N, C-alpha and C. Protein backbone atom coordinates (compact mmCIF):
# COMPACT_ATOMS: atom_id res chain seq x y z
N MET A 1 0.83 -1.16 0.00
CA MET A 1 0.00 0.00 0.00
C MET A 1 0.88 1.23 0.00
N ALA A 2 0.61 2.14 -0.91
CA ALA A 2 1.44 3.34 -1.01
C ALA A 2 0.89 4.40 -0.06
N SER A 3 1.57 4.63 1.00
CA SER A 3 1.16 5.68 1.91
C SER A 3 2.40 6.39 2.41
N THR A 4 2.20 7.63 2.75
CA THR A 4 3.33 8.40 3.26
C THR A 4 2.90 9.11 4.52
N THR A 5 3.86 9.48 5.31
CA THR A 5 3.58 10.30 6.48
C THR A 5 3.98 11.72 6.16
N SER A 6 3.60 12.65 7.01
CA SER A 6 3.92 14.04 6.73
C SER A 6 5.40 14.32 6.82
N SER A 7 6.16 13.43 7.47
CA SER A 7 7.59 13.68 7.62
C SER A 7 8.42 13.14 6.46
N SER A 8 7.84 12.30 5.60
CA SER A 8 8.60 11.77 4.48
C SER A 8 8.02 12.28 3.17
N PRO A 9 8.87 12.48 2.17
CA PRO A 9 8.39 12.98 0.89
C PRO A 9 7.56 11.93 0.18
N SER A 10 6.64 12.37 -0.67
CA SER A 10 5.84 11.45 -1.47
C SER A 10 6.73 10.77 -2.49
N PRO A 11 6.44 9.50 -2.81
CA PRO A 11 7.23 8.83 -3.84
C PRO A 11 7.01 9.49 -5.19
N PRO A 12 8.00 9.42 -6.05
CA PRO A 12 7.84 10.07 -7.35
C PRO A 12 6.76 9.39 -8.18
N GLU A 13 6.06 10.19 -8.95
CA GLU A 13 5.07 9.66 -9.86
C GLU A 13 5.56 9.90 -11.28
N PRO A 14 5.29 8.95 -12.18
CA PRO A 14 5.73 9.11 -13.55
C PRO A 14 4.95 10.22 -14.25
N GLU A 15 5.56 10.76 -15.29
CA GLU A 15 4.87 11.74 -16.12
C GLU A 15 3.70 11.07 -16.81
N PRO A 16 2.52 11.68 -16.80
CA PRO A 16 1.38 11.06 -17.48
C PRO A 16 1.56 11.09 -18.99
N ALA A 17 1.01 10.05 -19.65
CA ALA A 17 1.03 10.00 -21.11
C ALA A 17 0.09 11.09 -21.64
N PRO A 18 0.36 11.59 -22.85
CA PRO A 18 -0.54 12.60 -23.41
C PRO A 18 -1.94 12.00 -23.57
N LEU A 19 -2.92 12.78 -23.22
CA LEU A 19 -4.31 12.35 -23.32
C LEU A 19 -5.07 13.28 -24.26
N PRO A 20 -6.16 12.80 -24.85
CA PRO A 20 -6.98 13.69 -25.67
C PRO A 20 -7.53 14.85 -24.84
N LYS A 21 -7.93 15.91 -25.51
CA LYS A 21 -8.47 17.10 -24.85
C LYS A 21 -9.67 16.73 -23.98
N GLY A 22 -9.69 17.30 -22.77
CA GLY A 22 -10.78 17.07 -21.84
C GLY A 22 -10.52 15.96 -20.84
N TYR A 23 -9.46 15.17 -21.05
CA TYR A 23 -9.15 14.05 -20.16
C TYR A 23 -7.98 14.41 -19.25
N THR A 24 -8.06 14.00 -17.99
CA THR A 24 -7.00 14.25 -17.02
C THR A 24 -6.74 12.98 -16.22
N LEU A 25 -5.47 12.56 -16.14
CA LEU A 25 -5.10 11.41 -15.34
C LEU A 25 -4.81 11.89 -13.92
N ARG A 26 -5.39 11.21 -12.95
CA ARG A 26 -5.23 11.60 -11.56
C ARG A 26 -4.78 10.41 -10.72
N PRO A 27 -3.83 10.61 -9.81
CA PRO A 27 -3.47 9.53 -8.90
C PRO A 27 -4.61 9.30 -7.91
N GLY A 28 -4.69 8.09 -7.40
CA GLY A 28 -5.72 7.77 -6.42
C GLY A 28 -6.80 6.89 -7.01
N TYR A 29 -7.81 6.68 -6.21
CA TYR A 29 -8.85 5.71 -6.53
C TYR A 29 -10.18 6.43 -6.69
N PRO A 30 -11.02 5.94 -7.58
CA PRO A 30 -12.34 6.55 -7.70
C PRO A 30 -13.17 6.28 -6.45
N PRO A 31 -14.13 7.14 -6.15
CA PRO A 31 -15.05 6.83 -5.06
C PRO A 31 -15.77 5.50 -5.34
N ILE A 32 -16.23 4.87 -4.30
CA ILE A 32 -16.83 3.53 -4.43
C ILE A 32 -17.93 3.47 -5.49
N PRO A 33 -18.89 4.40 -5.53
CA PRO A 33 -19.92 4.30 -6.58
C PRO A 33 -19.34 4.34 -7.99
N ASP A 34 -18.33 5.18 -8.22
CA ASP A 34 -17.69 5.25 -9.54
C ASP A 34 -16.91 3.98 -9.84
N TYR A 35 -16.22 3.45 -8.84
CA TYR A 35 -15.49 2.19 -8.99
C TYR A 35 -16.44 1.07 -9.42
N LEU A 36 -17.57 0.96 -8.73
CA LEU A 36 -18.54 -0.09 -9.04
C LEU A 36 -19.11 0.11 -10.44
N HIS A 37 -19.43 1.36 -10.80
CA HIS A 37 -19.97 1.65 -12.12
C HIS A 37 -18.96 1.33 -13.23
N LEU A 38 -17.70 1.75 -13.04
CA LEU A 38 -16.67 1.49 -14.05
C LEU A 38 -16.50 -0.02 -14.28
N ARG A 39 -16.45 -0.79 -13.21
CA ARG A 39 -16.30 -2.25 -13.35
C ARG A 39 -17.45 -2.84 -14.16
N ALA A 40 -18.67 -2.53 -13.73
CA ALA A 40 -19.84 -3.13 -14.38
C ALA A 40 -20.00 -2.65 -15.82
N ALA A 41 -19.88 -1.35 -16.05
CA ALA A 41 -20.11 -0.80 -17.38
C ALA A 41 -19.05 -1.21 -18.39
N SER A 42 -17.84 -1.49 -17.92
CA SER A 42 -16.76 -1.85 -18.85
C SER A 42 -16.67 -3.35 -19.08
N GLY A 43 -17.53 -4.12 -18.43
CA GLY A 43 -17.55 -5.56 -18.67
C GLY A 43 -16.82 -6.40 -17.64
N LEU A 44 -16.26 -5.77 -16.60
CA LEU A 44 -15.64 -6.54 -15.53
C LEU A 44 -16.76 -7.09 -14.64
N SER A 45 -16.44 -8.10 -13.85
CA SER A 45 -17.47 -8.68 -12.99
C SER A 45 -17.93 -7.65 -11.96
N PRO A 46 -19.24 -7.56 -11.77
CA PRO A 46 -19.76 -6.60 -10.79
C PRO A 46 -19.32 -6.96 -9.37
N LYS A 47 -19.15 -5.95 -8.54
CA LYS A 47 -18.78 -6.14 -7.14
C LYS A 47 -19.78 -5.38 -6.27
N THR A 48 -19.79 -5.70 -5.00
CA THR A 48 -20.69 -5.04 -4.05
C THR A 48 -19.94 -3.87 -3.39
N PRO A 49 -20.68 -2.95 -2.76
CA PRO A 49 -20.01 -1.89 -2.02
C PRO A 49 -19.09 -2.44 -0.92
N ALA A 50 -19.49 -3.53 -0.28
CA ALA A 50 -18.63 -4.11 0.77
C ALA A 50 -17.33 -4.65 0.18
N GLN A 51 -17.37 -5.18 -1.04
CA GLN A 51 -16.15 -5.66 -1.70
C GLN A 51 -15.28 -4.49 -2.15
N ALA A 52 -15.91 -3.39 -2.54
CA ALA A 52 -15.16 -2.23 -3.04
C ALA A 52 -14.55 -1.39 -1.92
N ALA A 53 -15.14 -1.42 -0.75
CA ALA A 53 -14.69 -0.55 0.35
C ALA A 53 -13.21 -0.67 0.67
N PRO A 54 -12.61 -1.87 0.75
CA PRO A 54 -11.18 -1.94 1.11
C PRO A 54 -10.21 -1.75 -0.05
N VAL A 55 -10.70 -1.53 -1.26
CA VAL A 55 -9.82 -1.45 -2.44
C VAL A 55 -8.73 -0.39 -2.26
N ALA A 56 -9.11 0.82 -1.91
CA ALA A 56 -8.12 1.90 -1.83
C ALA A 56 -7.10 1.66 -0.73
N ARG A 57 -7.54 1.26 0.43
CA ARG A 57 -6.59 1.12 1.54
C ARG A 57 -5.70 -0.12 1.40
N ASN A 58 -6.11 -1.09 0.61
CA ASN A 58 -5.32 -2.33 0.48
C ASN A 58 -4.59 -2.45 -0.85
N SER A 59 -4.59 -1.40 -1.65
CA SER A 59 -3.86 -1.41 -2.91
C SER A 59 -2.55 -0.65 -2.72
N TRP A 60 -1.56 -0.96 -3.55
CA TRP A 60 -0.27 -0.30 -3.48
C TRP A 60 -0.33 1.08 -4.13
N TYR A 61 -1.06 1.18 -5.24
CA TYR A 61 -1.18 2.45 -5.96
C TYR A 61 -2.34 2.33 -6.93
N GLY A 62 -2.93 3.44 -7.27
CA GLY A 62 -3.99 3.46 -8.27
C GLY A 62 -4.09 4.80 -8.93
N CYS A 63 -4.77 4.83 -10.07
CA CYS A 63 -5.01 6.08 -10.77
C CYS A 63 -6.33 5.97 -11.52
N HIS A 64 -6.83 7.11 -11.93
CA HIS A 64 -8.05 7.13 -12.74
C HIS A 64 -7.99 8.33 -13.68
N ILE A 65 -8.85 8.29 -14.67
CA ILE A 65 -8.93 9.38 -15.65
C ILE A 65 -10.31 9.99 -15.57
N THR A 66 -10.32 11.33 -15.55
CA THR A 66 -11.58 12.05 -15.57
C THR A 66 -11.76 12.72 -16.94
N PHE A 67 -13.02 12.98 -17.27
CA PHE A 67 -13.35 13.69 -18.50
C PHE A 67 -14.26 14.86 -18.15
N SER A 68 -13.96 16.00 -18.73
CA SER A 68 -14.79 17.19 -18.58
C SER A 68 -14.81 17.91 -19.91
N ASN A 69 -15.99 18.13 -20.44
CA ASN A 69 -16.12 18.82 -21.72
C ASN A 69 -16.26 20.31 -21.48
N HIS A 70 -15.12 20.99 -21.38
CA HIS A 70 -15.11 22.43 -21.13
C HIS A 70 -15.44 23.24 -22.37
N ASP A 71 -15.57 22.59 -23.54
CA ASP A 71 -15.91 23.32 -24.76
C ASP A 71 -17.41 23.46 -24.95
N ASN A 72 -18.18 22.87 -24.04
CA ASN A 72 -19.63 22.92 -24.12
C ASN A 72 -20.10 24.32 -23.74
N ASN A 73 -20.59 25.10 -24.67
CA ASN A 73 -21.02 26.48 -24.40
C ASN A 73 -22.53 26.59 -24.48
N ASN A 74 -23.08 27.65 -23.86
CA ASN A 74 -24.52 27.87 -23.93
C ASN A 74 -24.88 28.50 -25.28
N ASN A 75 -26.14 28.84 -25.45
CA ASN A 75 -26.62 29.32 -26.76
C ASN A 75 -25.96 30.60 -27.24
N ASN A 76 -25.57 31.52 -26.34
CA ASN A 76 -24.97 32.76 -26.82
C ASN A 76 -23.45 32.65 -26.99
N ASN A 77 -22.90 31.47 -26.74
CA ASN A 77 -21.49 31.17 -26.97
C ASN A 77 -20.53 32.11 -26.22
N THR A 78 -20.95 32.68 -25.10
CA THR A 78 -20.05 33.56 -24.37
C THR A 78 -19.61 33.00 -23.03
N THR A 79 -20.45 32.23 -22.38
CA THR A 79 -20.13 31.73 -21.05
C THR A 79 -20.15 30.20 -21.08
N PRO A 80 -19.05 29.56 -20.71
CA PRO A 80 -19.07 28.10 -20.69
C PRO A 80 -20.06 27.58 -19.66
N ILE A 81 -20.76 26.53 -20.01
CA ILE A 81 -21.65 25.86 -19.08
C ILE A 81 -20.79 24.98 -18.19
N PRO A 82 -20.88 25.15 -16.87
CA PRO A 82 -20.05 24.30 -16.01
C PRO A 82 -20.43 22.83 -16.18
N THR A 83 -19.43 22.00 -16.23
CA THR A 83 -19.67 20.57 -16.34
C THR A 83 -18.92 19.86 -15.22
N GLU A 84 -19.51 18.80 -14.74
CA GLU A 84 -18.85 18.00 -13.72
C GLU A 84 -17.88 17.04 -14.39
N GLU A 85 -16.81 16.73 -13.68
CA GLU A 85 -15.89 15.73 -14.18
C GLU A 85 -16.50 14.35 -13.99
N GLU A 86 -16.36 13.54 -15.01
CA GLU A 86 -16.84 12.16 -14.97
C GLU A 86 -15.62 11.25 -14.94
N ILE A 87 -15.62 10.27 -14.05
CA ILE A 87 -14.52 9.31 -14.00
C ILE A 87 -14.80 8.25 -15.06
N VAL A 88 -13.86 8.13 -16.02
CA VAL A 88 -14.11 7.30 -17.20
C VAL A 88 -13.15 6.12 -17.35
N ALA A 89 -12.07 6.09 -16.55
CA ALA A 89 -11.10 4.99 -16.66
C ALA A 89 -10.38 4.85 -15.32
N MET A 90 -9.84 3.65 -15.09
CA MET A 90 -9.11 3.42 -13.85
C MET A 90 -8.21 2.21 -13.99
N GLY A 91 -7.31 2.08 -13.03
CA GLY A 91 -6.46 0.91 -12.88
C GLY A 91 -5.76 1.00 -11.53
N ARG A 92 -5.30 -0.12 -11.04
CA ARG A 92 -4.60 -0.11 -9.75
C ARG A 92 -3.58 -1.22 -9.70
N ILE A 93 -2.71 -1.11 -8.70
CA ILE A 93 -1.67 -2.11 -8.47
C ILE A 93 -1.87 -2.70 -7.08
N ILE A 94 -1.92 -4.01 -7.02
CA ILE A 94 -1.92 -4.73 -5.76
C ILE A 94 -0.51 -5.27 -5.63
N GLY A 95 0.12 -5.10 -4.49
CA GLY A 95 1.48 -5.61 -4.38
C GLY A 95 2.08 -5.42 -3.01
N ASP A 96 3.26 -5.97 -2.88
CA ASP A 96 3.96 -5.90 -1.59
C ASP A 96 4.92 -4.71 -1.52
N GLY A 97 5.09 -3.99 -2.63
CA GLY A 97 6.00 -2.85 -2.64
C GLY A 97 7.45 -3.24 -2.77
N GLY A 98 7.73 -4.52 -2.78
CA GLY A 98 9.10 -5.00 -2.89
C GLY A 98 9.41 -5.54 -4.27
N TRP A 99 8.76 -6.66 -4.61
CA TRP A 99 9.06 -7.26 -5.91
C TRP A 99 7.83 -7.77 -6.65
N TYR A 100 6.73 -7.99 -5.97
CA TYR A 100 5.54 -8.56 -6.62
C TYR A 100 4.44 -7.52 -6.76
N PHE A 101 3.97 -7.35 -8.01
CA PHE A 101 2.94 -6.36 -8.31
C PHE A 101 1.93 -6.97 -9.27
N HIS A 102 0.66 -6.75 -9.00
CA HIS A 102 -0.41 -7.26 -9.86
C HIS A 102 -1.27 -6.09 -10.32
N VAL A 103 -1.38 -5.91 -11.62
CA VAL A 103 -2.21 -4.86 -12.20
C VAL A 103 -3.65 -5.36 -12.20
N ALA A 104 -4.56 -4.56 -11.67
CA ALA A 104 -5.95 -4.98 -11.55
C ALA A 104 -6.90 -3.83 -11.88
N ASP A 105 -8.14 -4.19 -12.09
CA ASP A 105 -9.22 -3.22 -12.30
C ASP A 105 -8.95 -2.25 -13.45
N MET A 106 -8.33 -2.73 -14.50
CA MET A 106 -8.16 -1.91 -15.70
C MET A 106 -9.53 -1.81 -16.38
N ALA A 107 -10.07 -0.59 -16.41
CA ALA A 107 -11.42 -0.41 -16.96
C ALA A 107 -11.54 0.96 -17.61
N VAL A 108 -12.22 0.99 -18.75
CA VAL A 108 -12.54 2.24 -19.45
C VAL A 108 -14.01 2.15 -19.86
N LEU A 109 -14.78 3.20 -19.58
CA LEU A 109 -16.17 3.20 -19.98
C LEU A 109 -16.27 3.04 -21.50
N PRO A 110 -17.23 2.26 -21.99
CA PRO A 110 -17.34 2.01 -23.44
C PRO A 110 -17.38 3.27 -24.30
N ALA A 111 -18.06 4.32 -23.87
CA ALA A 111 -18.15 5.55 -24.67
C ALA A 111 -16.81 6.27 -24.79
N HIS A 112 -15.82 5.88 -23.98
CA HIS A 112 -14.51 6.54 -23.99
C HIS A 112 -13.39 5.60 -24.44
N GLN A 113 -13.75 4.42 -24.91
CA GLN A 113 -12.74 3.47 -25.36
C GLN A 113 -12.20 3.87 -26.74
N ARG A 114 -11.06 3.28 -27.09
CA ARG A 114 -10.38 3.52 -28.38
C ARG A 114 -9.83 4.94 -28.48
N ARG A 115 -9.46 5.54 -27.33
CA ARG A 115 -8.89 6.88 -27.30
C ARG A 115 -7.54 6.89 -26.59
N GLY A 116 -7.01 5.71 -26.29
CA GLY A 116 -5.71 5.63 -25.64
C GLY A 116 -5.75 5.74 -24.13
N LEU A 117 -6.93 5.69 -23.54
CA LEU A 117 -7.03 5.86 -22.09
C LEU A 117 -6.50 4.64 -21.34
N GLY A 118 -6.82 3.44 -21.81
CA GLY A 118 -6.29 2.23 -21.18
C GLY A 118 -4.77 2.20 -21.26
N LYS A 119 -4.24 2.58 -22.41
CA LYS A 119 -2.79 2.65 -22.59
C LYS A 119 -2.17 3.65 -21.62
N ALA A 120 -2.82 4.79 -21.44
CA ALA A 120 -2.30 5.82 -20.53
C ALA A 120 -2.31 5.34 -19.09
N VAL A 121 -3.39 4.68 -18.68
CA VAL A 121 -3.47 4.15 -17.31
C VAL A 121 -2.39 3.10 -17.10
N LEU A 122 -2.26 2.17 -18.04
CA LEU A 122 -1.25 1.11 -17.91
C LEU A 122 0.16 1.70 -17.87
N ALA A 123 0.45 2.63 -18.76
CA ALA A 123 1.78 3.25 -18.78
C ALA A 123 2.07 3.97 -17.46
N HIS A 124 1.07 4.63 -16.92
CA HIS A 124 1.24 5.33 -15.64
C HIS A 124 1.51 4.34 -14.51
N LEU A 125 0.75 3.26 -14.46
CA LEU A 125 0.94 2.26 -13.41
C LEU A 125 2.33 1.62 -13.51
N LEU A 126 2.74 1.25 -14.72
CA LEU A 126 4.06 0.64 -14.90
C LEU A 126 5.17 1.64 -14.59
N GLY A 127 4.96 2.90 -14.95
CA GLY A 127 5.93 3.94 -14.61
C GLY A 127 6.06 4.12 -13.11
N TYR A 128 4.95 3.99 -12.40
CA TYR A 128 4.98 4.11 -10.94
C TYR A 128 5.78 2.96 -10.32
N ILE A 129 5.57 1.76 -10.84
CA ILE A 129 6.35 0.61 -10.35
C ILE A 129 7.82 0.85 -10.61
N LYS A 130 8.15 1.26 -11.83
CA LYS A 130 9.56 1.48 -12.20
C LYS A 130 10.21 2.54 -11.32
N ALA A 131 9.46 3.58 -10.99
CA ALA A 131 10.01 4.69 -10.19
C ALA A 131 10.09 4.37 -8.70
N ASN A 132 9.29 3.42 -8.21
CA ASN A 132 9.17 3.24 -6.77
C ASN A 132 9.54 1.85 -6.24
N ALA A 133 9.67 0.86 -7.09
CA ALA A 133 10.06 -0.47 -6.62
C ALA A 133 11.58 -0.50 -6.40
N PRO A 134 12.03 -1.27 -5.41
CA PRO A 134 13.48 -1.37 -5.17
C PRO A 134 14.23 -1.83 -6.42
N GLN A 135 15.41 -1.27 -6.62
CA GLN A 135 16.23 -1.58 -7.79
C GLN A 135 17.63 -2.00 -7.34
N GLY A 136 18.35 -2.66 -8.23
CA GLY A 136 19.76 -2.98 -7.99
C GLY A 136 19.98 -4.38 -7.45
N ASP A 137 21.23 -4.86 -7.56
CA ASP A 137 21.64 -6.18 -7.08
C ASP A 137 20.72 -7.29 -7.56
N GLY A 138 20.37 -7.25 -8.81
CA GLY A 138 19.52 -8.29 -9.38
C GLY A 138 18.05 -8.14 -9.03
N ALA A 139 17.71 -7.08 -8.30
CA ALA A 139 16.32 -6.85 -7.95
C ALA A 139 15.54 -6.48 -9.20
N GLY A 140 14.35 -6.90 -9.25
CA GLY A 140 13.48 -6.54 -10.36
C GLY A 140 12.04 -6.76 -9.95
N ALA A 141 11.16 -6.05 -10.58
CA ALA A 141 9.75 -6.17 -10.28
C ALA A 141 9.13 -7.29 -11.11
N TYR A 142 8.35 -8.14 -10.47
CA TYR A 142 7.57 -9.17 -11.14
C TYR A 142 6.15 -8.64 -11.23
N VAL A 143 5.69 -8.36 -12.45
CA VAL A 143 4.39 -7.73 -12.67
C VAL A 143 3.49 -8.72 -13.39
N THR A 144 2.31 -8.95 -12.82
CA THR A 144 1.34 -9.86 -13.42
C THR A 144 0.02 -9.13 -13.64
N LEU A 145 -0.83 -9.74 -14.44
CA LEU A 145 -2.20 -9.30 -14.61
C LEU A 145 -2.99 -10.43 -15.25
N PHE A 146 -4.29 -10.36 -15.15
CA PHE A 146 -5.16 -11.28 -15.88
C PHE A 146 -5.71 -10.50 -17.06
N ALA A 147 -5.59 -11.05 -18.26
CA ALA A 147 -6.00 -10.34 -19.47
C ALA A 147 -7.24 -11.00 -20.07
N ASP A 148 -8.30 -10.22 -20.22
CA ASP A 148 -9.44 -10.72 -20.97
C ASP A 148 -9.17 -10.51 -22.45
N GLY A 149 -10.02 -11.01 -23.29
CA GLY A 149 -9.81 -10.92 -24.74
C GLY A 149 -9.51 -9.53 -25.24
N PRO A 150 -10.38 -8.54 -24.94
CA PRO A 150 -10.13 -7.19 -25.46
C PRO A 150 -8.84 -6.55 -24.96
N GLY A 151 -8.36 -6.92 -23.78
CA GLY A 151 -7.16 -6.30 -23.24
C GLY A 151 -5.85 -6.91 -23.69
N ARG A 152 -5.90 -8.10 -24.27
CA ARG A 152 -4.65 -8.81 -24.60
C ARG A 152 -3.75 -8.03 -25.55
N THR A 153 -4.34 -7.41 -26.54
CA THR A 153 -3.52 -6.65 -27.50
C THR A 153 -2.82 -5.50 -26.81
N LEU A 154 -3.54 -4.76 -25.98
CA LEU A 154 -2.94 -3.65 -25.23
C LEU A 154 -1.78 -4.14 -24.38
N TYR A 155 -1.98 -5.22 -23.65
CA TYR A 155 -0.95 -5.71 -22.75
C TYR A 155 0.26 -6.24 -23.53
N ALA A 156 0.02 -6.95 -24.62
CA ALA A 156 1.12 -7.46 -25.44
C ALA A 156 1.95 -6.31 -26.02
N ARG A 157 1.28 -5.24 -26.45
CA ARG A 157 1.99 -4.07 -26.99
C ARG A 157 2.86 -3.39 -25.94
N ASN A 158 2.57 -3.66 -24.68
CA ASN A 158 3.32 -3.04 -23.59
C ASN A 158 4.25 -4.02 -22.89
N GLY A 159 4.61 -5.11 -23.58
CA GLY A 159 5.64 -6.01 -23.10
C GLY A 159 5.17 -7.24 -22.34
N PHE A 160 3.89 -7.37 -22.07
CA PHE A 160 3.40 -8.55 -21.35
C PHE A 160 3.40 -9.76 -22.26
N VAL A 161 3.73 -10.91 -21.71
CA VAL A 161 3.72 -12.17 -22.45
C VAL A 161 2.86 -13.17 -21.69
N GLU A 162 2.32 -14.13 -22.43
CA GLU A 162 1.53 -15.18 -21.78
C GLU A 162 2.44 -16.03 -20.92
N THR A 163 1.95 -16.44 -19.76
CA THR A 163 2.79 -17.19 -18.84
C THR A 163 2.82 -18.68 -19.15
N VAL A 164 1.82 -19.22 -19.82
CA VAL A 164 1.79 -20.66 -20.08
C VAL A 164 3.01 -21.12 -20.87
N PRO A 165 3.42 -20.42 -21.95
CA PRO A 165 4.60 -20.89 -22.67
C PRO A 165 5.87 -20.92 -21.81
N SER A 166 5.93 -20.10 -20.74
CA SER A 166 7.12 -20.10 -19.90
C SER A 166 7.00 -21.05 -18.72
N GLY A 167 5.99 -21.90 -18.75
CA GLY A 167 5.85 -22.92 -17.72
C GLY A 167 5.01 -22.51 -16.53
N GLN A 168 4.43 -21.32 -16.55
CA GLN A 168 3.56 -20.90 -15.45
C GLN A 168 2.13 -20.85 -15.94
N LEU A 169 1.24 -21.33 -15.11
CA LEU A 169 -0.17 -21.31 -15.44
C LEU A 169 -0.90 -20.65 -14.28
N GLY A 170 -1.60 -19.58 -14.54
CA GLY A 170 -2.38 -18.94 -13.50
C GLY A 170 -3.53 -19.84 -13.08
N MET A 171 -3.83 -19.84 -11.81
CA MET A 171 -4.93 -20.64 -11.29
C MET A 171 -5.75 -19.77 -10.35
N MET A 172 -7.00 -20.17 -10.12
CA MET A 172 -7.88 -19.41 -9.25
C MET A 172 -8.86 -20.34 -8.57
N LEU A 173 -9.45 -19.86 -7.50
CA LEU A 173 -10.58 -20.52 -6.89
C LEU A 173 -11.83 -19.85 -7.44
N PRO A 174 -12.80 -20.60 -7.96
CA PRO A 174 -14.01 -19.98 -8.50
C PRO A 174 -14.77 -19.20 -7.43
N MET A 175 -15.47 -18.14 -7.85
CA MET A 175 -16.28 -17.35 -6.93
C MET A 175 -17.25 -18.28 -6.20
N GLY A 176 -17.41 -18.08 -4.92
CA GLY A 176 -18.30 -18.90 -4.11
C GLY A 176 -17.64 -20.14 -3.54
N TRP A 177 -16.33 -20.26 -3.71
CA TRP A 177 -15.63 -21.46 -3.24
C TRP A 177 -15.75 -21.66 -1.75
N GLU A 178 -15.96 -20.58 -1.01
CA GLU A 178 -15.97 -20.68 0.46
C GLU A 178 -17.01 -21.67 0.97
N GLY A 179 -18.13 -21.79 0.29
CA GLY A 179 -19.18 -22.68 0.73
C GLY A 179 -19.11 -24.08 0.16
N THR A 180 -18.19 -24.32 -0.76
CA THR A 180 -18.19 -25.61 -1.44
C THR A 180 -16.90 -26.40 -1.28
N LEU A 181 -15.81 -25.74 -0.94
CA LEU A 181 -14.51 -26.38 -0.93
C LEU A 181 -14.17 -26.94 0.45
N THR A 182 -13.72 -28.19 0.46
CA THR A 182 -13.21 -28.78 1.68
C THR A 182 -11.70 -28.75 1.57
N LEU A 183 -11.05 -27.97 2.41
CA LEU A 183 -9.61 -27.80 2.34
C LEU A 183 -8.88 -29.02 2.89
N GLY A 184 -7.73 -29.30 2.32
CA GLY A 184 -6.84 -30.35 2.84
C GLY A 184 -7.16 -31.75 2.39
N ARG A 185 -8.02 -31.93 1.43
CA ARG A 185 -8.34 -33.28 0.95
C ARG A 185 -7.34 -33.73 -0.06
């Protein structure tokens, strides 16, 4: 979990990738309602507020992208109509801060996809790992993620490779395992 005290400086953050007009990349996590909406609307499995509540405090780092259409003018074209920022993309890192990092919750709202937002979030997260993970003496960051079909191209373009050919196979316990699995058999 990335946290600092008032007596220590904040860890460096990477320079954000260029974004289209109206979009801003921000460090931190979206509020719970936005987090839940982004997951569901972008095709990730829906979560409950109770599942979303510990996300920010138990993650190593996260970021999100907001959109605000400041070019939206009223009928006389003299005074901009104020618009609220909408959170349209997010991603986070789960990790120990030492060597193991897992990229999670990569999501972009469908109306904002194909604009480089996922690429910008991923580049920012990887830049944060590079800037803040321990380096030297053979140290290196081990970064994993689970890729769904639409995300595979993005991840491959950014250096990720499938683990099966290298002898590693990701495994999981299916949702609801708590009520069905007998441990130790």
